[in-house]
Amino acid sequence: MKVLFIIACLLNINLVIGQETCPEEFTYNFGYCYKYVSTALNFNQADSHCNGLATGCSLVSIHSPSEEGFVHGLVQTDGYYWIGLNDINNEADFVWTDRTLAKWTNWDCGSPGWNAGKDCVHGNEGDSNRWKDEDCENFYHFVCKVAAS
């Protein structure tokens, strides 16, 4: 009986040591930590807010349909929310604020509009659940993302 207890303790210790952790109030998903923020800010303010939450944290980058679904599960609004995709520096060249490549996108019909002044991208709940480019000065809720440690 003591042997089983010792083995169980050793297995438990290995599981705890192997777990990745997230900052407080973040939710873990496949190596990353996410946080929905219900405060409405413009795009740059939202990204700065994320930067202040943890080292390496920025507005969410989304790289697959499954990650998109996870983010939808976190969002607690029926409206728009900022994601980190933008073409602020070079019109029509969309990049993520965390500097990862934009290999997968989920644009709504008619988006991106290629209009100057609509340089930032929001997701939306309830409308089409797809992305639209928008004026960066609009105020929306947002999602932050950081690598788990």
Protein backbone atom coordinates (compact mmCIF):
# COMPACT_ATOMS: atom_id res chain seq x y z
CA MET A 1 0.00 0.00 0.00
CA LYS A 2 2.83 2.42 0.81
CA VAL A 3 4.40 1.70 -2.60
CA LEU A 4 1.18 2.70 -4.41
CA PHE A 5 0.99 5.91 -2.38
CA ILE A 6 4.61 6.79 -3.19
CA ILE A 7 4.08 6.07 -6.90
CA ALA A 8 0.91 8.17 -6.90
CA CYS A 9 2.76 11.05 -5.24
CA LEU A 10 5.61 10.83 -7.74
CA LEU A 11 3.21 10.84 -10.69
CA ASN A 12 1.37 13.84 -9.25
CA ILE A 13 4.63 15.75 -8.80
CA ASN A 14 5.62 15.06 -12.41
CA LEU A 15 2.27 16.33 -13.66
CA VAL A 16 2.54 19.53 -11.67
CA ILE A 17 6.11 20.17 -12.82
CA GLY A 18 5.12 19.61 -16.46
CA GLN A 19 2.16 22.02 -16.43
CA GLU A 20 2.43 25.39 -18.10
CA THR A 21 1.08 28.34 -16.15
CA CYS A 22 -0.77 31.52 -17.04
CA PRO A 23 -0.90 34.93 -15.41
CA GLU A 24 -3.76 35.39 -12.97
CA GLU A 25 -7.20 35.69 -14.60
CA PHE A 26 -5.96 34.27 -17.94
CA THR A 27 -7.31 31.04 -19.47
CA TYR A 28 -4.93 28.38 -20.79
CA ASN A 29 -5.29 26.82 -24.26
CA PHE A 30 -2.61 24.80 -26.09
CA GLY A 31 0.48 26.65 -24.86
CA TYR A 32 -1.04 30.12 -24.70
CA CYS A 33 -2.95 32.18 -22.17
CA TYR A 34 -5.92 34.37 -23.09
CA LYS A 35 -7.87 37.09 -21.32
CA TYR A 36 -11.06 38.80 -22.40
CA VAL A 37 -11.17 42.45 -21.29
CA SER A 38 -14.61 44.06 -21.10
CA THR A 39 -13.26 47.62 -20.92
CA ALA A 40 -13.80 49.38 -24.27
CA LEU A 41 -10.61 51.00 -25.60
CA ASN A 42 -9.30 52.03 -29.00
CA PHE A 43 -6.90 49.66 -30.77
CA ASN A 44 -3.61 51.17 -29.54
CA GLN A 45 -4.92 51.58 -25.98
CA ALA A 46 -6.11 47.96 -25.98
CA ASP A 47 -2.74 46.65 -27.18
CA SER A 48 -0.94 48.79 -24.57
CA HIS A 49 -3.27 47.43 -21.90
CA CYS A 50 -2.37 43.87 -22.96
CA ASN A 51 1.36 44.78 -22.94
CA GLY A 52 1.00 45.86 -19.31
CA LEU A 53 -0.63 42.61 -18.16
CA ALA A 54 2.40 40.35 -18.72
CA THR A 55 5.74 40.29 -20.54
CA GLY A 56 5.13 39.43 -24.19
CA CYS A 57 1.36 39.95 -23.97
CA SER A 58 -0.46 41.65 -26.85
CA LEU A 59 -3.82 41.70 -28.57
CA VAL A 60 -4.79 38.19 -29.60
CA SER A 61 -3.43 36.63 -32.78
CA ILE A 62 -5.60 33.86 -34.21
CA HIS A 63 -4.04 31.15 -36.35
CA SER A 64 -6.69 28.47 -36.89
CA PRO A 65 -10.43 27.80 -36.82
CA SER A 66 -10.04 25.95 -33.51
CA GLU A 67 -8.25 28.91 -31.92
CA GLU A 68 -10.97 31.19 -33.31
CA GLY A 69 -13.58 28.98 -31.65
CA PHE A 70 -11.71 29.14 -28.34
CA VAL A 71 -11.57 32.94 -28.52
CA HIS A 72 -15.31 33.08 -29.32
CA GLY A 73 -15.89 31.07 -26.15
CA LEU A 74 -14.06 33.70 -24.07
CA VAL A 75 -15.76 36.76 -25.53
CA GLN A 76 -18.63 38.06 -23.42
CA THR A 77 -20.21 40.58 -25.76
CA ASP A 78 -22.71 40.42 -28.58
CA GLY A 79 -20.73 43.09 -30.41
CA TYR A 80 -17.25 43.78 -31.68
CA TYR A 81 -13.90 43.12 -30.01
CA TRP A 82 -10.36 43.98 -31.08
CA ILE A 83 -7.96 41.32 -32.29
CA GLY A 84 -4.32 42.10 -33.05
CA LEU A 85 -4.46 42.09 -36.86
CA ASN A 86 -3.79 45.45 -38.54
CA ASP A 87 -2.29 47.21 -41.56
CA ILE A 88 -1.33 50.43 -39.76
CA ASN A 89 2.22 50.56 -41.16
CA ASN A 90 1.55 49.42 -44.72
CA GLU A 91 -1.90 49.52 -46.35
CA ALA A 92 -3.15 46.03 -47.29
CA ASP A 93 -0.23 44.31 -45.52
CA PHE A 94 -1.95 42.85 -42.46
CA VAL A 95 0.26 41.80 -39.55
CA TRP A 96 -0.35 40.69 -35.96
CA THR A 97 0.71 42.88 -33.04
CA ASP A 98 2.68 39.91 -31.63
CA ARG A 99 4.68 39.79 -34.89
CA THR A 100 3.49 36.29 -35.86
CA LEU A 101 2.58 35.66 -39.49
CA ALA A 102 -1.03 36.00 -40.63
CA LYS A 103 -1.32 32.63 -42.37
CA TRP A 104 -5.02 32.09 -41.60
CA THR A 105 -7.77 34.72 -41.68
CA ASN A 106 -11.52 34.79 -41.21
CA TRP A 107 -12.64 37.86 -43.15
CA ASP A 108 -16.29 38.79 -43.44
CA CYS A 109 -17.77 39.39 -46.90
CA GLY A 110 -16.47 42.70 -48.27
CA SER A 111 -13.54 42.78 -45.86
CA PRO A 112 -10.89 43.89 -45.81
CA GLY A 113 -12.16 47.04 -47.49
CA TRP A 114 -8.74 48.41 -48.48
CA ASN A 115 -9.88 51.80 -47.26
CA ALA A 116 -7.40 54.19 -45.73
CA GLY A 117 -8.41 54.81 -42.14
CA LYS A 118 -9.70 51.28 -41.59
CA ASP A 119 -6.40 49.80 -40.44
CA CYS A 120 -7.40 47.67 -37.45
CA VAL A 121 -9.38 44.45 -37.28
CA HIS A 122 -12.16 43.37 -34.98
CA GLY A 123 -13.89 40.07 -34.49
CA ASN A 124 -17.59 40.07 -33.80
CA GLU A 125 -20.12 38.01 -31.95
CA GLY A 126 -23.65 37.67 -33.22
CA ASP A 127 -23.27 39.47 -36.54
CA SER A 128 -21.34 37.06 -38.78
CA ASN A 129 -18.67 35.86 -36.31
CA ARG A 130 -16.08 36.96 -38.89
CA TRP A 131 -13.47 39.72 -39.06
CA LYS A 132 -13.84 43.26 -40.38
CA ASP A 133 -11.35 46.09 -40.77
CA GLU A 134 -12.30 49.24 -38.90
CA ASP A 135 -11.12 52.67 -37.76
CA CYS A 136 -8.51 52.12 -35.02
CA GLU A 137 -10.01 54.94 -32.94
CA ASN A 138 -13.26 53.05 -32.31
CA PHE A 139 -13.73 51.71 -28.80
CA TYR A 140 -14.29 47.96 -28.39
CA HIS A 141 -13.71 45.23 -25.87
CA PHE A 142 -10.66 43.06 -26.63
CA VAL A 143 -8.79 39.80 -26.06
CA CYS A 144 -5.16 39.55 -24.93
CA LYS A 145 -2.79 36.62 -25.55
CA VAL A 146 0.59 35.59 -24.12
CA ALA A 147 2.66 32.40 -24.31
CA ALA A 148 2.26 30.18 -21.25
CA SER A 149 5.33 29.81 -19.08
